[in-house]
Amino acid sequence: MRFLFKAALALAVLVLLVLAFRHAGRALIVNSPQRSDVILVLAGDFNDERYWKAIAMLRTGYAGHMLINARADAVAYGRTAPELTEDFIRRTAGDLPGRIGVCPTKGDSTLLELESAAPCLGRLAPRNVLIVTSDYHTRRALSIARKQLPRYTWTAAAADSGLLSHPKWWTNRPVAKDVFMEWQKLLWWEAVERHQ
């Protein structure tokens, strides 16, 4: 009898672990955009996925203004990211450039980025802000934003960086890497940084 109980318990734990593993990617995604005063595009875009997602949302009326965070504390090939971003907006935004601004940020973490974006947001005086970031990054970015800048109501939109289009995340090496790295960062944020 005792053996059967232990075997059933071990099987239940194994099933829970398999389910947790299968849904680890999906658990990182918060994709619940709401109409907002400002769309905030976080830095770190890859293949301009965040940018194009935000442009589409701006065009469909999710907000009246869009801010793109760009790191100003580094130079690549003689130009800063804000300079490159402004040039890209002029070439690609069509009729929207007057509604899109670039926010020079500092730091290589979401926490530092949001802290340095506060003055840009303050100048627009929004009540609510819609974050656009990579799918795997939405849960942590939203948590950090709500903690660091609680005066705004925050929602998030997920730009597909691979996780949305690969629900079996463990079968795609780059997506699996993103999932593992993001879980590490999320756990560190929740266990340590959030309470400092």
Foldseek 3Di string as FASTA:
>chain_A
DVVVVVVVVVVVVVVVVVVCVLCLQVVLFFADQAQWAEEEEEPPDDPCLLVVVVLVCCVVRSHQAYEYEFEQPDDDPHHGRQVVVLVVCVVPNVPCPVRYYYQHFHDDDLLRRLVSCVVVCVVSPIQAYEYEYARSNQVQSQVSCCLPPVSHHYGYHHRYPPCVVCSSQVVDVVSVVSSVVSVVVSVCCVPPVSVD
